[in-house]
PDB file of N, CA and C in Angstrom:
ATOM      1  N   UNK A   1       0.680  -0.972   0.314  1.00  0.00           N
ATOM      2  CA  UNK A   1      -0.193  -0.211  -0.408  1.00  0.00           C
ATOM      3  C   UNK A   1       0.735   1.476  -0.042  1.00  0.00           C
ATOM      4  N   UNK A   2       1.353   2.415  -1.284  1.00  0.00           N
ATOM      5  CA  UNK A   2       1.911   3.048  -1.089  1.00  0.00           C
ATOM      6  C   UNK A   2       0.713   3.861  -0.426  1.00  0.00           C
ATOM      7  N   UNK A   3       1.470   5.160   0.225  1.00  0.00           N
ATOM      8  CA  UNK A   3       0.565   6.524   0.804  1.00  0.00           C
ATOM      9  C   UNK A   3       1.761   7.398  -0.406  1.00  0.00           C
ATOM     10  N   UNK A   4       0.722   8.696  -0.759  1.00  0.00           N
ATOM     11  CA  UNK A   4       1.448   9.859  -1.055  1.00  0.00           C
ATOM     12  C   UNK A   4       2.306  10.494  -0.534  1.00  0.00           C
ATOM     13  N   UNK A   5       2.987  10.444   1.371  1.00  0.00           N
ATOM     14  CA  UNK A   5       3.453  10.879   1.771  1.00  0.00           C
ATOM     15  C   UNK A   5       4.477  10.164   1.571  1.00  0.00           C
ATOM     16  N   UNK A   6       5.994  10.957   2.162  1.00  0.00           N
ATOM     17  CA  UNK A   6       6.554  10.123   1.876  1.00  0.00           C
ATOM     18  C   UNK A   6       7.704   9.327   3.072  1.00  0.00           C
ATOM     19  N   UNK A   7       7.149   9.546   3.672  1.00  0.00           N
ATOM     20  CA  UNK A   7       7.521   9.567   4.991  1.00  0.00           C
ATOM     21  C   UNK A   7       6.339   7.744   5.203  1.00  0.00           C
ATOM     22  N   UNK A   8       5.637   7.428   5.299  1.00  0.00           N
ATOM     23  CA  UNK A   8       5.026   6.049   5.101  1.00  0.00           C
ATOM     24  C   UNK A   8       5.189   5.970   4.211  1.00  0.00           C
ATOM     25  N   UNK A   9       5.607   4.505   4.290  1.00  0.00           N
ATOM     26  CA  UNK A   9       5.137   3.566   2.973  1.00  0.00           C
ATOM     27  C   UNK A   9       3.906   2.950   3.625  1.00  0.00           C
ATOM     28  N   UNK A  10       3.949   1.861   4.159  1.00  0.00           N
ATOM     29  CA  UNK A  10       3.256   1.183   4.482  1.00  0.00           C
ATOM     30  C   UNK A  10       3.064   1.031   5.761  1.00  0.00           C
ATOM     31  N   UNK A  11       1.559   0.632   6.609  1.00  0.00           N
ATOM     32  CA  UNK A  11       1.495   0.307   7.651  1.00  0.00           C
ATOM     33  C   UNK A  11       0.984  -0.415   8.098  1.00  0.00           C
ATOM     34  N   UNK A  12       1.948  -1.792   7.234  1.00  0.00           N
ATOM     35  CA  UNK A  12       1.550  -3.265   7.420  1.00  0.00           C
ATOM     36  C   UNK A  12       2.675  -3.582   8.368  1.00  0.00           C
ATOM     37  N   UNK A  13       3.655  -3.231   7.435  1.00  0.00           N
ATOM     38  CA  UNK A  13       5.058  -3.955   8.666  1.00  0.00           C
ATOM     39  C   UNK A  13       4.736  -2.500   9.935  1.00  0.00           C
ATOM     40  N   UNK A  14       4.882  -2.059   9.437  1.00  0.00           N
ATOM     41  CA  UNK A  14       4.887  -0.558  11.047  1.00  0.00           C
ATOM     42  C   UNK A  14       4.465  -0.758  12.253  1.00  0.00           C
ATOM     43  N   UNK A  15       5.214  -0.599  13.215  1.00  0.00           N
ATOM     44  CA  UNK A  15       4.802  -0.765  14.809  1.00  0.00           C
ATOM     45  C   UNK A  15       3.670  -0.112  15.130  1.00  0.00           C
ATOM     46  N   UNK A  16       3.257  -0.026  16.247  1.00  0.00           N
ATOM     47  CA  UNK A  16       2.236   0.576  16.684  1.00  0.00           C
ATOM     48  C   UNK A  16       3.000   2.313  17.289  1.00  0.00           C
ATOM     49  N   UNK A  17       4.121   2.016  17.557  1.00  0.00           N
ATOM     50  CA  UNK A  17       4.384   3.485  17.606  1.00  0.00           C
ATOM     51  C   UNK A  17       5.020   4.562  17.067  1.00  0.00           C
ATOM     52  N   UNK A  18       5.369   3.655  15.915  1.00  0.00           N
ATOM     53  CA  UNK A  18       5.775   4.255  14.447  1.00  0.00           C
ATOM     54  C   UNK A  18       4.855   4.974  13.472  1.00  0.00           C
ATOM     55  N   UNK A  19       3.296   4.380  13.671  1.00  0.00           N
ATOM     56  CA  UNK A  19       1.990   4.844  13.508  1.00  0.00           C
ATOM     57  C   UNK A  19       1.595   6.248  14.329  1.00  0.00           C
ATOM     58  N   UNK A  20       1.622   6.309  15.429  1.00  0.00           N
ATOM     59  CA  UNK A  20       1.652   6.786  16.748  1.00  0.00           C
ATOM     60  C   UNK A  20       2.438   7.986  16.228  1.00  0.00           C
ATOM     61  N   UNK A  21       3.581   7.928  16.496  1.00  0.00           N
ATOM     62  CA  UNK A  21       4.409   9.034  16.010  1.00  0.00           C
ATOM     63  C   UNK A  21       4.463   9.898  14.591  1.00  0.00           C
ATOM     64  N   UNK A  22       3.595   9.215  13.532  1.00  0.00           N
ATOM     65  CA  UNK A  22       3.287   9.386  11.954  1.00  0.00           C
ATOM     66  C   UNK A  22       2.408  10.373  12.240  1.00  0.00           C
ATOM     67  N   UNK A  23       1.273  10.146  12.998  1.00  0.00           N
ATOM     68  CA  UNK A  23      -0.125  10.732  13.727  1.00  0.00           C
ATOM     69  C   UNK A  23       0.151  11.750  13.844  1.00  0.00           C
ATOM     70  N   UNK A  24       0.893  11.732  14.958  1.00  0.00           N
ATOM     71  CA  UNK A  24       1.597  13.225  15.758  1.00  0.00           C
ATOM     72  C   UNK A  24       2.282  13.892  14.427  1.00  0.00           C
ATOM     73  N   UNK A  25       3.241  13.915  14.136  1.00  0.00           N
ATOM     74  CA  UNK A  25       3.440  14.543  13.349  1.00  0.00           C
ATOM     75  C   UNK A  25       2.494  15.196  12.113  1.00  0.00           C
ATOM     76  N   UNK A  26       1.905  14.355  11.190  1.00  0.00           N
ATOM     77  CA  UNK A  26       0.945  14.948  10.699  1.00  0.00           C
ATOM     78  C   UNK A  26      -0.455  15.337  11.651  1.00  0.00           C
ATOM     79  N   UNK A  27      -0.954  15.784  13.059  1.00  0.00           N
ATOM     80  CA  UNK A  27      -1.384  16.864  13.674  1.00  0.00           C
ATOM     81  C   UNK A  27      -0.846  17.644  13.782  1.00  0.00           C
ATOM     82  N   UNK A  28       0.588  18.093  14.280  1.00  0.00           N
ATOM     83  CA  UNK A  28       1.194  19.250  13.916  1.00  0.00           C
ATOM     84  C   UNK A  28       0.788  20.456  13.894  1.00  0.00           C
ATOM     85  N   UNK A  29      -0.023  21.317  14.842  1.00  0.00           N
ATOM     86  CA  UNK A  29      -1.037  22.402  14.152  1.00  0.00           C
ATOM     87  C   UNK A  29      -2.239  22.209  13.679  1.00  0.00           C
ATOM     88  N   UNK A  30      -2.756  20.848  13.969  1.00  0.00           N
ATOM     89  CA  UNK A  30      -3.944  21.022  13.546  1.00  0.00           C
ATOM     90  C   UNK A  30      -4.968  20.153  14.180  1.00  0.00           C
ATOM     91  N   UNK A  31      -4.371  20.282  15.808  1.00  0.00           N
ATOM     92  CA  UNK A  31      -4.859  19.680  16.871  1.00  0.00           C
ATOM     93  C   UNK A  31      -6.232  19.782  16.533  1.00  0.00           C
ATOM     94  N   UNK A  32      -6.712  21.054  16.931  1.00  0.00           N
ATOM     95  CA  UNK A  32      -7.926  22.012  17.014  1.00  0.00           C
ATOM     96  C   UNK A  32      -8.888  21.555  16.072  1.00  0.00           C
ATOM     97  N   UNK A  33      -8.198  22.239  14.799  1.00  0.00           N
ATOM     98  CA  UNK A  33      -9.565  21.820  12.918  1.00  0.00           C
ATOM     99  C   UNK A  33      -9.703  19.970  13.826  1.00  0.00           C
ATOM    100  N   UNK A  34      -8.594  19.108  13.808  1.00  0.00           N
ATOM    101  CA  UNK A  34      -9.018  17.632  13.843  1.00  0.00           C
ATOM    102  C   UNK A  34      -9.811  17.163  14.859  1.00  0.00           C
ATOM    103  N   UNK A  35     -10.060  17.758  16.172  1.00  0.00           N
ATOM    104  CA  UNK A  35     -10.856  17.205  16.976  1.00  0.00           C
ATOM    105  C   UNK A  35     -11.950  17.577  16.947  1.00  0.00           C
ATOM    106  N   UNK A  36     -11.784  19.540  16.657  1.00  0.00           N
ATOM    107  CA  UNK A  36     -13.163  19.992  16.453  1.00  0.00           C
ATOM    108  C   UNK A  36     -14.310  19.612  15.334  1.00  0.00           C
ATOM    109  N   UNK A  37     -13.722  19.133  14.218  1.00  0.00           N
ATOM    110  CA  UNK A  37     -14.723  18.663  12.974  1.00  0.00           C
ATOM    111  C   UNK A  37     -14.763  17.318  13.746  1.00  0.00           C
ATOM    112  N   UNK A  38     -14.089  16.619  14.101  1.00  0.00           N
ATOM    113  CA  UNK A  38     -15.060  15.047  14.730  1.00  0.00           C
ATOM    114  C   UNK A  38     -15.945  15.525  16.209  1.00  0.00           C
ATOM    115  N   UNK A  39     -15.725  16.859  16.371  1.00  0.00           N
ATOM    116  CA  UNK A  39     -16.787  16.887  17.778  1.00  0.00           C
ATOM    117  C   UNK A  39     -17.913  16.957  16.951  1.00  0.00           C
ATOM    118  N   UNK A  40     -18.049  17.908  15.599  1.00  0.00           N
ATOM    119  CA  UNK A  40     -18.968  18.397  15.533  1.00  0.00           C
ATOM    120  C   UNK A  40     -19.517  17.691  13.990  1.00  0.00           C
ATOM    121  N   UNK A  41     -18.979  16.292  13.757  1.00  0.00           N
ATOM    122  CA  UNK A  41     -19.640  15.223  13.267  1.00  0.00           C
ATOM    123  C   UNK A  41     -20.164  14.152  13.981  1.00  0.00           C
ATOM    124  N   UNK A  42     -20.184  14.537  15.196  1.00  0.00           N
ATOM    125  CA  UNK A  42     -20.478  13.199  16.130  1.00  0.00           C
ATOM    126  C   UNK A  42     -21.588  13.977  16.809  1.00  0.00           C
ATOM    127  N   UNK A  43     -21.390  15.749  17.042  1.00  0.00           N
ATOM    128  CA  UNK A  43     -23.054  15.698  17.257  1.00  0.00           C
ATOM    129  C   UNK A  43     -24.365  16.051  16.102  1.00  0.00           C
ATOM    130  N   UNK A  44     -23.456  15.962  14.757  1.00  0.00           N
ATOM    131  CA  UNK A  44     -24.754  15.505  13.804  1.00  0.00           C
ATOM    132  C   UNK A  44     -24.854  13.651  13.831  1.00  0.00           C
ATOM    133  N   UNK A  45     -24.133  13.143  14.205  1.00  0.00           N
ATOM    134  CA  UNK A  45     -24.787  12.322  14.412  1.00  0.00           C
ATOM    135  C   UNK A  45     -25.969  11.771  15.119  1.00  0.00           C
ATOM    136  N   UNK A  46     -25.383  12.210  16.598  1.00  0.00           N
ATOM    137  CA  UNK A  46     -26.618  12.498  17.762  1.00  0.00           C
ATOM    138  C   UNK A  46     -27.771  12.600  17.306  1.00  0.00           C
ATOM    139  N   UNK A  47     -27.633  14.231  16.891  1.00  0.00           N
ATOM    140  CA  UNK A  47     -28.365  15.097  16.494  1.00  0.00           C
ATOM    141  C   UNK A  47     -29.193  13.935  15.595  1.00  0.00           C
ATOM    142  N   UNK A  48     -29.124  13.383  14.822  1.00  0.00           N
ATOM    143  CA  UNK A  48     -29.996  12.863  13.879  1.00  0.00           C
ATOM    144  C   UNK A  48     -30.629  11.197  15.073  1.00  0.00           C
ATOM    145  N   UNK A  49     -30.058  10.744  15.462  1.00  0.00           N
ATOM    146  CA  UNK A  49     -30.715  10.081  16.828  1.00  0.00           C
ATOM    147  C   UNK A  49     -31.624  10.414  17.676  1.00  0.00           C
ATOM    148  N   UNK A  50     -31.760  11.683  17.561  1.00  0.00           N
ATOM    149  CA  UNK A  50     -32.853  12.463  18.452  1.00  0.00           C
ATOM    150  C   UNK A  50     -34.002  11.739  18.701  1.00  0.00           C
ATOM    151  N   UNK A  51     -34.268  11.173  17.752  1.00  0.00           N
ATOM    152  CA  UNK A  51     -35.749  10.848  17.310  1.00  0.00           C
ATOM    153  C   UNK A  51     -36.352   9.323  18.052  1.00  0.00           C
ATOM    154  N   UNK A  52     -34.937   8.942  18.899  1.00  0.00           N
ATOM    155  CA  UNK A  52     -35.285   7.144  19.245  1.00  0.00           C
ATOM    156  C   UNK A  52     -36.718   7.394  20.018  1.00  0.00           C
ATOM    157  N   UNK A  53     -36.926   7.920  20.863  1.00  0.00           N
ATOM    158  CA  UNK A  53     -37.494   8.097  21.909  1.00  0.00           C
ATOM    159  C   UNK A  53     -39.167   7.641  20.732  1.00  0.00           C
ATOM    160  N   UNK A  54     -39.118   8.088  20.006  1.00  0.00           N
ATOM    161  CA  UNK A  54     -40.659   7.932  18.784  1.00  0.00           C
ATOM    162  C   UNK A  54     -40.490   6.463  18.472  1.00  0.00           C
ATOM    163  N   UNK A  55     -39.675   5.710  18.004  1.00  0.00           N
ATOM    164  CA  UNK A  55     -39.737   5.247  17.539  1.00  0.00           C
ATOM    165  C   UNK A  55     -37.759   4.279  16.612  1.00  0.00           C
ATOM    166  N   UNK A  56     -37.451   3.132  17.299  1.00  0.00           N
ATOM    167  CA  UNK A  56     -36.734   2.647  16.116  1.00  0.00           C
ATOM    168  C   UNK A  56     -36.249   3.108  14.928  1.00  0.00           C
ATOM    169  N   UNK A  57     -37.429   2.605  14.181  1.00  0.00           N
ATOM    170  CA  UNK A  57     -37.218   2.782  12.590  1.00  0.00           C
ATOM    171  C   UNK A  57     -36.835   4.653  12.458  1.00  0.00           C
ATOM    172  N   UNK A  58     -37.947   5.015  13.334  1.00  0.00           N
ATOM    173  CA  UNK A  58     -37.596   6.546  13.334  1.00  0.00           C
ATOM    174  C   UNK A  58     -36.141   7.349  13.358  1.00  0.00           C
ATOM    175  N   UNK A  59     -35.704   6.258  14.021  1.00  0.00           N
ATOM    176  CA  UNK A  59     -34.097   6.927  14.819  1.00  0.00           C
ATOM    177  C   UNK A  59     -33.332   7.021  14.037  1.00  0.00           C
ATOM    178  N   UNK A  60     -33.082   5.312  13.914  1.00  0.00           N
ATOM    179  CA  UNK A  60     -32.282   4.654  12.010  1.00  0.00           C
ATOM    180  C   UNK A  60     -32.512   5.330  11.261  1.00  0.00           C
ATOM    181  N   UNK A  61     -33.495   5.815  10.880  1.00  0.00           N
ATOM    182  CA  UNK A  61     -33.600   6.366   9.348  1.00  0.00           C
ATOM    183  C   UNK A  61     -32.904   7.784   9.337  1.00  0.00           C
ATOM    184  N   UNK A  62     -32.981   8.862  10.206  1.00  0.00           N
ATOM    185  CA  UNK A  62     -31.667   9.882   9.700  1.00  0.00           C
ATOM    186  C   UNK A  62     -30.591   9.514  10.033  1.00  0.00           C
ATOM    187  N   UNK A  63     -30.034   8.071  10.831  1.00  0.00           N
ATOM    188  CA  UNK A  63     -28.749   8.370  11.484  1.00  0.00           C
ATOM    189  C   UNK A  63     -28.165   7.444   9.531  1.00  0.00           C
ATOM    190  N   UNK A  64     -29.000   6.414   8.732  1.00  0.00           N
ATOM    191  CA  UNK A  64     -28.559   6.466   7.820  1.00  0.00           C
ATOM    192  C   UNK A  64     -28.819   6.889   6.624  1.00  0.00           C
ATOM    193  N   UNK A  65     -28.892   8.449   6.611  1.00  0.00           N
ATOM    194  CA  UNK A  65     -29.639   9.045   5.726  1.00  0.00           C
ATOM    195  C   UNK A  65     -28.562   9.430   5.895  1.00  0.00           C
ATOM    196  N   UNK A  66     -27.381  10.308   7.178  1.00  0.00           N
ATOM    197  CA  UNK A  66     -26.426  11.330   6.790  1.00  0.00           C
ATOM    198  C   UNK A  66     -25.476  10.875   7.421  1.00  0.00           C
ATOM    199  N   UNK A  67     -25.609   8.906   7.415  1.00  0.00           N
ATOM    200  CA  UNK A  67     -24.324   8.868   7.795  1.00  0.00           C
ATOM    201  C   UNK A  67     -23.394   8.390   6.502  1.00  0.00           C
ATOM    202  N   UNK A  68     -23.326   8.175   5.242  1.00  0.00           N
ATOM    203  CA  UNK A  68     -22.763   7.689   4.175  1.00  0.00           C
ATOM    204  C   UNK A  68     -22.003   9.370   4.029  1.00  0.00           C
ATOM    205  N   UNK A  69     -22.671  10.561   4.033  1.00  0.00           N
ATOM    206  CA  UNK A  69     -22.496  11.530   3.585  1.00  0.00           C
ATOM    207  C   UNK A  69     -21.386  12.417   4.456  1.00  0.00           C
ATOM    208  N   UNK A  70     -21.599  11.644   6.143  1.00  0.00           N
ATOM    209  CA  UNK A  70     -20.532  12.073   6.947  1.00  0.00           C
ATOM    210  C   UNK A  70     -19.528  11.529   6.892  1.00  0.00           C
ATOM    211  N   UNK A  71     -19.681  10.080   6.548  1.00  0.00           N
ATOM    212  CA  UNK A  71     -18.332   9.307   7.058  1.00  0.00           C
ATOM    213  C   UNK A  71     -17.650   9.766   5.661  1.00  0.00           C
ATOM    214  N   UNK A  72     -18.247   9.962   4.533  1.00  0.00           N
ATOM    215  CA  UNK A  72     -17.273  10.388   2.803  1.00  0.00           C
ATOM    216  C   UNK A  72     -16.619  11.621   3.884  1.00  0.00           C
ATOM    217  N   UNK A  73     -17.338  13.027   4.285  1.00  0.00           N
ATOM    218  CA  UNK A  73     -16.563  13.888   4.605  1.00  0.00           C
ATOM    219  C   UNK A  73     -15.417  14.009   5.166  1.00  0.00           C
ATOM    220  N   UNK A  74     -15.637  13.215   6.437  1.00  0.00           N
ATOM    221  CA  UNK A  74     -14.206  12.969   7.016  1.00  0.00           C
ATOM    222  C   UNK A  74     -13.373  12.290   6.443  1.00  0.00           C
ATOM    223  N   UNK A  75     -13.572  11.141   5.563  1.00  0.00           N
ATOM    224  CA  UNK A  75     -12.229  10.159   5.126  1.00  0.00           C
ATOM    225  C   UNK A  75     -11.605  11.325   4.287  1.00  0.00           C
ATOM    226  N   UNK A  76     -12.489  12.431   3.430  1.00  0.00           N
ATOM    227  CA  UNK A  76     -11.724  13.459   2.909  1.00  0.00           C
ATOM    228  C   UNK A  76     -11.119  14.267   3.505  1.00  0.00           C
ATOM    229  N   UNK A  77     -11.359  14.823   4.392  1.00  0.00           N
ATOM    230  CA  UNK A  77     -10.735  15.818   5.455  1.00  0.00           C
ATOM    231  C   UNK A  77      -9.525  14.983   6.339  1.00  0.00           C
ATOM    232  N   UNK A  78      -9.837  13.832   6.429  1.00  0.00           N
ATOM    233  CA  UNK A  78      -8.586  13.079   7.070  1.00  0.00           C
ATOM    234  C   UNK A  78      -7.543  12.917   6.177  1.00  0.00           C
ATOM    235  N   UNK A  79      -7.759  12.167   4.707  1.00  0.00           N
ATOM    236  CA  UNK A  79      -6.727  11.806   3.767  1.00  0.00           C
ATOM    237  C   UNK A  79      -5.762  13.402   3.503  1.00  0.00           C
ATOM    238  N   UNK A  80      -7.114  14.748   3.562  1.00  0.00           N
ATOM    239  CA  UNK A  80      -6.133  16.008   3.137  1.00  0.00           C
ATOM    240  C   UNK A  80      -5.095  16.126   4.485  1.00  0.00           C
ATOM    241  N   UNK A  81      -5.226  15.399   5.454  1.00  0.00           N
ATOM    242  CA  UNK A  81      -4.361  15.887   6.744  1.00  0.00           C
ATOM    243  C   UNK A  81      -3.362  15.446   6.592  1.00  0.00           C
ATOM    244  N   UNK A  82      -3.588  13.910   5.824  1.00  0.00           N
ATOM    245  CA  UNK A  82      -2.258  12.368   5.416  1.00  0.00           C
ATOM    246  C   UNK A  82      -1.440  13.137   4.752  1.00  0.00           C
ATOM    247  N   UNK A  83      -2.328  13.748   3.285  1.00  0.00           N
ATOM    248  CA  UNK A  83      -1.340  13.908   2.407  1.00  0.00           C
ATOM    249  C   UNK A  83      -0.736  15.712   2.794  1.00  0.00           C
ATOM    250  N   UNK A  84      -1.076  16.385   3.799  1.00  0.00           N
ATOM    251  CA  UNK A  84      -0.196  16.876   4.300  1.00  0.00           C
ATOM    252  C   UNK A  84      -0.963  18.607   3.239  1.00  0.00           C
ATOM    253  N   UNK A  85      -2.239  18.394   2.743  1.00  0.00           N
ATOM    254  CA  UNK A  85      -2.384  20.005   1.731  1.00  0.00           C
ATOM    255  C   UNK A  85      -3.479  20.498   3.037  1.00  0.00           C
ATOM    256  N   UNK A  86      -3.716  21.475   3.043  1.00  0.00           N
ATOM    257  CA  UNK A  86      -4.232  22.594   3.940  1.00  0.00           C
ATOM    258  C   UNK A  86      -5.855  22.622   4.971  1.00  0.00           C
ATOM    259  N   UNK A  87      -5.417  22.313   5.425  1.00  0.00           N
ATOM    260  CA  UNK A  87      -7.044  21.346   6.281  1.00  0.00           C
ATOM    261  C   UNK A  87      -7.637  21.920   6.707  1.00  0.00           C
ATOM    262  N   UNK A  88      -9.109  22.271   6.176  1.00  0.00           N
ATOM    263  CA  UNK A  88     -10.139  22.925   5.884  1.00  0.00           C
ATOM    264  C   UNK A  88     -11.246  22.634   7.101  1.00  0.00           C
ATOM    265  N   UNK A  89     -11.604  22.690   8.026  1.00  0.00           N
ATOM    266  CA  UNK A  89     -12.722  22.707   8.371  1.00  0.00           C
ATOM    267  C   UNK A  89     -14.177  22.176   7.693  1.00  0.00           C
ATOM    268  N   UNK A  90     -14.189  23.062   6.416  1.00  0.00           N
ATOM    269  CA  UNK A  90     -15.581  22.676   5.258  1.00  0.00           C
ATOM    270  C   UNK A  90     -15.315  21.194   4.551  1.00  0.00           C
ATOM    271  N   UNK A  91     -13.844  20.728   4.467  1.00  0.00           N
ATOM    272  CA  UNK A  91     -13.933  19.590   3.934  1.00  0.00           C
ATOM    273  C   UNK A  91     -14.570  18.587   4.763  1.00  0.00           C
ATOM    274  N   UNK A  92     -14.907  18.413   5.946  1.00  0.00           N
ATOM    275  CA  UNK A  92     -15.221  17.564   6.412  1.00  0.00           C
ATOM    276  C   UNK A  92     -16.869  17.355   6.389  1.00  0.00           C
ATOM    277  N   UNK A  93     -17.320  18.609   5.438  1.00  0.00           N
ATOM    278  CA  UNK A  93     -18.686  18.310   4.469  1.00  0.00           C
ATOM    279  C   UNK A  93     -18.575  18.213   3.149  1.00  0.00           C
ATOM    280  N   UNK A  94     -17.904  17.274   2.816  1.00  0.00           N
ATOM    281  CA  UNK A  94     -17.708  17.656   1.314  1.00  0.00           C
ATOM    282  C   UNK A  94     -18.243  16.103   0.853  1.00  0.00           C
ATOM    283  N   UNK A  95     -18.541  15.553   1.526  1.00  0.00           N
ATOM    284  CA  UNK A  95     -19.402  14.505   1.793  1.00  0.00           C
ATOM    285  C   UNK A  95     -21.074  14.362   0.750  1.00  0.00           C
ATOM    286  N   UNK A  96     -21.919  15.733   1.595  1.00  0.00           N
ATOM    287  CA  UNK A  96     -23.008  16.089   1.167  1.00  0.00           C
ATOM    288  C   UNK A  96     -23.138  16.671  -0.231  1.00  0.00           C
ATOM    289  N   UNK A  97     -21.154  17.033  -0.647  1.00  0.00           N
ATOM    290  CA  UNK A  97     -21.632  17.422  -2.252  1.00  0.00           C
ATOM    291  C   UNK A  97     -21.960  16.184  -3.436  1.00  0.00           C
ATOM    292  N   UNK A  98     -21.472  15.128  -2.861  1.00  0.00           N
ATOM    293  CA  UNK A  98     -21.588  13.954  -3.009  1.00  0.00           C
ATOM    294  C   UNK A  98     -23.014  13.108  -2.293  1.00  0.00           C
ATOM    295  N   UNK A  99     -24.046  13.855  -1.905  1.00  0.00           N
ATOM    296  CA  UNK A  99     -24.918  13.557  -1.411  1.00  0.00           C
ATOM    297  C   UNK A  99     -25.874  11.908  -1.296  1.00  0.00           C
ATOM    298  N   UNK A 100     -25.979  11.882  -2.963  1.00  0.00           N
ATOM    299  CA  UNK A 100     -26.925  10.329  -3.277  1.00  0.00           C
ATOM    300  C   UNK A 100     -26.434   9.392  -3.739  1.00  0.00           C
ATOM    301  N   UNK A 101     -24.802   9.680  -3.919  1.00  0.00           N
ATOM    302  CA  UNK A 101     -23.894   8.781  -4.158  1.00  0.00           C
ATOM    303  C   UNK A 101     -23.691   8.378  -2.952  1.00  0.00           C
ATOM    304  N   UNK A 102     -23.410   8.679  -1.710  1.00  0.00           N
ATOM    305  CA  UNK A 102     -23.356   8.238  -0.282  1.00  0.00           C
ATOM    306  C   UNK A 102     -23.985   7.505  -0.082  1.00  0.00           C
ATOM    307  N   UNK A 103     -25.091   7.797   0.283  1.00  0.00           N
ATOM    308  CA  UNK A 103     -26.504   7.258   0.028  1.00  0.00           C
ATOM    309  C   UNK A 103     -27.093   5.999  -0.296  1.00  0.00           C
ATOM    310  N   UNK A 104     -26.853   6.258  -1.795  1.00  0.00           N
ATOM    311  CA  UNK A 104     -26.589   5.013  -2.349  1.00  0.00           C
ATOM    312  C   UNK A 104     -25.596   4.055  -1.884  1.00  0.00           C
ATOM    313  N   UNK A 105     -24.536   4.557  -1.923  1.00  0.00           N
ATOM    314  CA  UNK A 105     -23.324   3.324  -1.342  1.00  0.00           C
ATOM    315  C   UNK A 105     -24.362   2.191   0.131  1.00  0.00           C
ATOM    316  N   UNK A 106     -24.131   4.107   1.110  1.00  0.00           N
ATOM    317  CA  UNK A 106     -24.556   3.348   2.566  1.00  0.00           C
ATOM    318  C   UNK A 106     -25.702   2.520   1.791  1.00  0.00           C
ATOM    319  N   UNK A 107     -26.609   2.559   1.360  1.00  0.00           N
ATOM    320  CA  UNK A 107     -28.139   1.286   1.333  1.00  0.00           C
ATOM    321  C   UNK A 107     -27.108  -0.202   1.035  1.00  0.00           C
ATOM    322  N   UNK A 108     -26.500  -0.039  -0.093  1.00  0.00           N
ATOM    323  CA  UNK A 108     -25.975  -0.871  -0.809  1.00  0.00           C
ATOM    324  C   UNK A 108     -24.901  -2.203  -0.171  1.00  0.00           C
ATOM    325  N   UNK A 109     -24.100  -0.771   1.090  1.00  0.00           N
ATOM    326  CA  UNK A 109     -23.308  -1.674   2.082  1.00  0.00           C
ATOM    327  C   UNK A 109     -24.020  -2.169   3.262  1.00  0.00           C
ATOM    328  N   UNK A 110     -25.658  -1.628   3.309  1.00  0.00           N
ATOM    329  CA  UNK A 110     -26.073  -2.292   4.286  1.00  0.00           C
ATOM    330  C   UNK A 110     -26.665  -2.721   3.459  1.00  0.00           C
ATOM    331  N   UNK A 111     -27.450  -3.219   2.721  1.00  0.00           N
ATOM    332  CA  UNK A 111     -28.150  -4.519   2.630  1.00  0.00           C
ATOM    333  C   UNK A 111     -27.509  -5.644   1.969  1.00  0.00           C
ATOM    334  N   UNK A 112     -25.547  -5.761   1.707  1.00  0.00           N
ATOM    335  CA  UNK A 112     -24.693  -6.193   2.042  1.00  0.00           C
ATOM    336  C   UNK A 112     -24.737  -7.433   2.833  1.00  0.00           C
ATOM    337  N   UNK A 113     -24.019  -6.185   4.167  1.00  0.00           N
ATOM    338  CA  UNK A 113     -23.819  -6.808   5.405  1.00  0.00           C
ATOM    339  C   UNK A 113     -25.522  -7.134   6.182  1.00  0.00           C
ATOM    340  N   UNK A 114     -26.896  -7.269   5.492  1.00  0.00           N
ATOM    341  CA  UNK A 114     -27.643  -7.768   6.133  1.00  0.00           C
ATOM    342  C   UNK A 114     -28.013  -8.952   5.615  1.00  0.00           C
ATOM    343  N   UNK A 115     -27.618  -9.210   4.099  1.00  0.00           N
ATOM    344  CA  UNK A 115     -27.955 -10.566   3.700  1.00  0.00           C
ATOM    345  C   UNK A 115     -27.131 -11.495   4.293  1.00  0.00           C
TER     346      UNK A 115
END
């Protein structure tokens, strides 16, 4: 597995302390943005789950609908971090630009898991 950035060639053969050190180097001066982004996305997930008191189906539906876009956005955010691109909070919402594709992927992934 080749990474676009020079220091890490593969994570399969690295010890956990080397991976941790690499992550600390990547997060240098980006802690606030990374932690704030993950915190806000967790709030979005929690907000979608507030309907839980009505019924199980209604509580899972909003989470199901937004989960693909949220996960896609977080993946783009952390890929930019790993590639040492300029880290922007807005990148976490980039998954909503491809909302219907993300929803389709979530649907088929869920269907595959159920089957």
